[in-house]
Amino acid sequence: MAERMSTATRMDRARANGKVTRRENGHYKQKERSARDLRMVELLKKGKFPYTPSIASWVSVQLGKPFTQLTEAQVAELTK
């Protein structure tokens, strides 16, 4: 039977592994974010106000406000 690993050692190992994983996956996530931005802008151009929840969520993150506080003119500025 393996010896028990201390909690501190286990947490240190998890923290170190997480740091490596974030560094490796960050490149993929950055590419996906830019692809999602292009997709959402295209959907904004095609759609009408009020938008679907996924688009509304993306718009609110981009503009830093809850979607319920945004006007159609503010959202239209994202497509320019």
N, C-alpha and C. Protein backbone atom coordinates (compact mmCIF):
# COMPACT_ATOMS: atom_id res chain seq x y z
N MET A 1 0.84 -1.18 0.00
CA MET A 1 0.00 0.00 0.00
C MET A 1 0.89 1.24 0.00
N ALA A 2 0.48 2.24 -0.76
CA ALA A 2 1.27 3.46 -0.88
C ALA A 2 1.17 4.28 0.41
N GLU A 3 2.24 5.03 0.66
CA GLU A 3 2.22 5.89 1.83
C GLU A 3 1.30 7.08 1.57
N ARG A 4 0.69 7.54 2.63
CA ARG A 4 -0.24 8.65 2.53
C ARG A 4 0.53 9.95 2.26
N MET A 5 0.03 10.73 1.31
CA MET A 5 0.65 12.01 0.98
C MET A 5 0.01 13.09 1.85
N SER A 6 0.82 13.98 2.35
CA SER A 6 0.26 15.04 3.19
C SER A 6 -0.63 15.97 2.35
N THR A 7 -1.55 16.60 3.02
CA THR A 7 -2.49 17.50 2.34
C THR A 7 -1.74 18.66 1.69
N ALA A 8 -0.77 19.20 2.39
CA ALA A 8 -0.01 20.34 1.86
C ALA A 8 0.73 19.94 0.58
N THR A 9 1.34 18.77 0.58
CA THR A 9 2.06 18.29 -0.60
C THR A 9 1.09 18.07 -1.76
N ARG A 10 -0.06 17.50 -1.46
CA ARG A 10 -1.07 17.25 -2.48
C ARG A 10 -1.57 18.56 -3.09
N MET A 11 -1.81 19.55 -2.25
CA MET A 11 -2.27 20.85 -2.74
C MET A 11 -1.19 21.56 -3.56
N ASP A 12 0.07 21.45 -3.11
CA ASP A 12 1.17 22.04 -3.88
C ASP A 12 1.27 21.41 -5.26
N ARG A 13 1.12 20.09 -5.31
CA ARG A 13 1.19 19.39 -6.58
C ARG A 13 0.03 19.80 -7.49
N ALA A 14 -1.17 19.90 -6.93
CA ALA A 14 -2.34 20.31 -7.72
C ALA A 14 -2.17 21.73 -8.23
N ARG A 15 -1.62 22.62 -7.41
CA ARG A 15 -1.39 24.00 -7.81
C ARG A 15 -0.37 24.07 -8.95
N ALA A 16 0.69 23.29 -8.85
CA ALA A 16 1.72 23.28 -9.89
C ALA A 16 1.17 22.70 -11.19
N ASN A 17 0.39 21.62 -11.09
CA ASN A 17 -0.20 21.03 -12.29
C ASN A 17 -1.18 21.99 -12.94
N GLY A 18 -1.94 22.70 -12.14
CA GLY A 18 -2.89 23.67 -12.67
C GLY A 18 -2.21 24.79 -13.42
N LYS A 19 -1.08 25.21 -12.90
CA LYS A 19 -0.32 26.29 -13.53
C LYS A 19 0.16 25.86 -14.92
N VAL A 20 0.66 24.65 -15.02
CA VAL A 20 1.14 24.11 -16.31
C VAL A 20 -0.04 23.96 -17.27
N THR A 21 -1.14 23.44 -16.77
CA THR A 21 -2.32 23.22 -17.62
C THR A 21 -2.87 24.52 -18.15
N ARG A 22 -2.94 25.56 -17.30
CA ARG A 22 -3.43 26.85 -17.76
C ARG A 22 -2.54 27.42 -18.85
N ARG A 23 -1.23 27.25 -18.70
CA ARG A 23 -0.29 27.76 -19.70
C ARG A 23 -0.48 27.03 -21.03
N GLU A 24 -0.66 25.71 -20.97
CA GLU A 24 -0.82 24.92 -22.19
C GLU A 24 -2.16 25.20 -22.86
N ASN A 25 -3.24 25.25 -22.09
CA ASN A 25 -4.58 25.41 -22.65
C ASN A 25 -4.90 26.85 -23.00
N GLY A 26 -4.16 27.80 -22.46
CA GLY A 26 -4.43 29.20 -22.71
C GLY A 26 -4.36 29.56 -24.19
N HIS A 27 -3.45 28.95 -24.92
CA HIS A 27 -3.31 29.23 -26.35
C HIS A 27 -4.55 28.78 -27.11
N TYR A 28 -5.05 27.60 -26.76
CA TYR A 28 -6.25 27.10 -27.43
C TYR A 28 -7.46 27.97 -27.09
N LYS A 29 -7.54 28.38 -25.84
CA LYS A 29 -8.68 29.20 -25.42
C LYS A 29 -8.64 30.56 -26.08
N GLN A 30 -7.46 31.12 -26.28
CA GLN A 30 -7.34 32.42 -26.93
C GLN A 30 -7.84 32.34 -28.37
N LYS A 31 -7.49 31.26 -29.07
CA LYS A 31 -7.97 31.07 -30.44
C LYS A 31 -9.48 30.90 -30.46
N GLU A 32 -10.01 30.14 -29.51
CA GLU A 32 -11.45 29.93 -29.45
C GLU A 32 -12.19 31.22 -29.12
N ARG A 33 -11.63 32.06 -28.28
CA ARG A 33 -12.27 33.33 -27.95
C ARG A 33 -12.38 34.22 -29.18
N SER A 34 -11.32 34.28 -29.97
CA SER A 34 -11.36 35.12 -31.17
C SER A 34 -12.34 34.55 -32.19
N ALA A 35 -12.41 33.23 -32.32
CA ALA A 35 -13.37 32.61 -33.23
C ALA A 35 -14.80 32.87 -32.75
N ARG A 36 -15.03 32.81 -31.43
CA ARG A 36 -16.36 33.07 -30.89
C ARG A 36 -16.76 34.52 -31.12
N ASP A 37 -15.80 35.45 -30.98
CA ASP A 37 -16.10 36.86 -31.22
C ASP A 37 -16.58 37.07 -32.65
N LEU A 38 -15.91 36.45 -33.61
CA LEU A 38 -16.32 36.58 -35.01
C LEU A 38 -17.71 36.00 -35.23
N ARG A 39 -17.97 34.82 -34.63
CA ARG A 39 -19.28 34.18 -34.75
C ARG A 39 -20.38 35.05 -34.18
N MET A 40 -20.14 35.61 -33.01
CA MET A 40 -21.16 36.42 -32.35
C MET A 40 -21.45 37.70 -33.11
N VAL A 41 -20.42 38.33 -33.68
CA VAL A 41 -20.65 39.55 -34.46
C VAL A 41 -21.50 39.23 -35.68
N GLU A 42 -21.23 38.09 -36.34
CA GLU A 42 -22.04 37.69 -37.49
C GLU A 42 -23.49 37.46 -37.07
N LEU A 43 -23.70 36.81 -35.92
CA LEU A 43 -25.06 36.57 -35.44
C LEU A 43 -25.75 37.87 -35.07
N LEU A 44 -25.00 38.83 -34.54
CA LEU A 44 -25.56 40.14 -34.22
C LEU A 44 -26.05 40.84 -35.48
N LYS A 45 -25.27 40.74 -36.56
CA LYS A 45 -25.65 41.39 -37.81
C LYS A 45 -26.91 40.76 -38.39
N LYS A 46 -27.06 39.44 -38.24
CA LYS A 46 -28.21 38.74 -38.80
C LYS A 46 -29.47 38.89 -37.95
N GLY A 47 -29.29 38.93 -36.63
CA GLY A 47 -30.42 38.88 -35.72
C GLY A 47 -31.09 40.23 -35.47
N LYS A 48 -32.13 40.16 -34.66
CA LYS A 48 -32.88 41.35 -34.27
C LYS A 48 -32.89 41.44 -32.75
N PHE A 49 -33.04 42.65 -32.27
CA PHE A 49 -33.15 42.89 -30.83
C PHE A 49 -34.52 42.43 -30.37
N PRO A 50 -34.75 41.76 -29.32
CA PRO A 50 -33.86 41.16 -28.33
C PRO A 50 -33.24 39.86 -28.85
N TYR A 51 -32.04 39.60 -28.47
CA TYR A 51 -31.28 38.47 -28.98
C TYR A 51 -31.45 37.23 -28.11
N THR A 52 -30.92 36.11 -28.61
CA THR A 52 -30.97 34.86 -27.85
C THR A 52 -30.09 35.00 -26.61
N PRO A 53 -30.29 34.15 -25.60
CA PRO A 53 -29.51 34.26 -24.37
C PRO A 53 -27.99 34.19 -24.55
N SER A 54 -27.52 33.35 -25.47
CA SER A 54 -26.06 33.24 -25.65
C SER A 54 -25.49 34.53 -26.22
N ILE A 55 -26.18 35.13 -27.16
CA ILE A 55 -25.72 36.40 -27.72
C ILE A 55 -25.84 37.52 -26.69
N ALA A 56 -26.94 37.53 -25.95
CA ALA A 56 -27.14 38.55 -24.92
C ALA A 56 -26.04 38.48 -23.86
N SER A 57 -25.66 37.28 -23.48
CA SER A 57 -24.60 37.10 -22.49
C SER A 57 -23.27 37.63 -23.03
N TRP A 58 -22.96 37.30 -24.27
CA TRP A 58 -21.71 37.75 -24.87
C TRP A 58 -21.68 39.28 -24.97
N VAL A 59 -22.78 39.87 -25.39
CA VAL A 59 -22.87 41.33 -25.52
C VAL A 59 -22.68 41.99 -24.16
N SER A 60 -23.30 41.46 -23.13
CA SER A 60 -23.18 42.07 -21.81
C SER A 60 -21.74 41.99 -21.29
N VAL A 61 -21.03 40.92 -21.61
CA VAL A 61 -19.62 40.81 -21.20
C VAL A 61 -18.78 41.83 -21.97
N GLN A 62 -19.04 41.97 -23.26
CA GLN A 62 -18.27 42.90 -24.09
C GLN A 62 -18.46 44.35 -23.64
N LEU A 63 -19.69 44.69 -23.28
CA LEU A 63 -19.98 46.08 -22.92
C LEU A 63 -19.91 46.34 -21.42
N GLY A 64 -19.77 45.30 -20.62
CA GLY A 64 -19.61 45.46 -19.19
C GLY A 64 -20.86 45.90 -18.46
N LYS A 65 -22.02 45.59 -18.99
CA LYS A 65 -23.30 45.95 -18.37
C LYS A 65 -24.25 44.77 -18.48
N PRO A 66 -25.21 44.67 -17.57
CA PRO A 66 -26.25 43.66 -17.74
C PRO A 66 -27.05 43.94 -19.02
N PHE A 67 -27.46 42.89 -19.70
CA PHE A 67 -28.14 43.07 -20.98
C PHE A 67 -29.44 43.86 -20.84
N THR A 68 -30.09 43.75 -19.71
CA THR A 68 -31.35 44.47 -19.51
C THR A 68 -31.15 45.98 -19.47
N GLN A 69 -29.91 46.42 -19.21
CA GLN A 69 -29.62 47.85 -19.15
C GLN A 69 -29.10 48.40 -20.48
N LEU A 70 -29.00 47.56 -21.48
CA LEU A 70 -28.47 47.98 -22.77
C LEU A 70 -29.59 48.36 -23.73
N THR A 71 -29.29 49.32 -24.58
CA THR A 71 -30.24 49.72 -25.61
C THR A 71 -29.82 49.10 -26.94
N GLU A 72 -30.72 49.13 -27.89
CA GLU A 72 -30.43 48.57 -29.20
C GLU A 72 -29.29 49.33 -29.89
N ALA A 73 -29.21 50.63 -29.66
CA ALA A 73 -28.14 51.44 -30.27
C ALA A 73 -26.78 51.07 -29.72
N GLN A 74 -26.70 50.79 -28.42
CA GLN A 74 -25.43 50.40 -27.83
C GLN A 74 -24.96 49.06 -28.39
N VAL A 75 -25.89 48.15 -28.57
CA VAL A 75 -25.54 46.82 -29.13
C VAL A 75 -25.13 46.96 -30.59
N ALA A 76 -25.78 47.85 -31.32
CA ALA A 76 -25.47 48.04 -32.75
C ALA A 76 -24.04 48.53 -32.95
N GLU A 77 -23.49 49.24 -31.97
CA GLU A 77 -22.12 49.74 -32.10
C GLU A 77 -21.08 48.61 -32.13
N LEU A 78 -21.43 47.44 -31.60
CA LEU A 78 -20.51 46.31 -31.62
C LEU A 78 -20.31 45.76 -33.04
N THR A 79 -21.28 45.95 -33.90
CA THR A 79 -21.19 45.41 -35.25
C THR A 79 -20.43 46.32 -36.21
N LYS A 80 -20.07 47.51 -35.78
CA LYS A 80 -19.35 48.44 -36.66
C LYS A 80 -17.89 48.12 -36.71
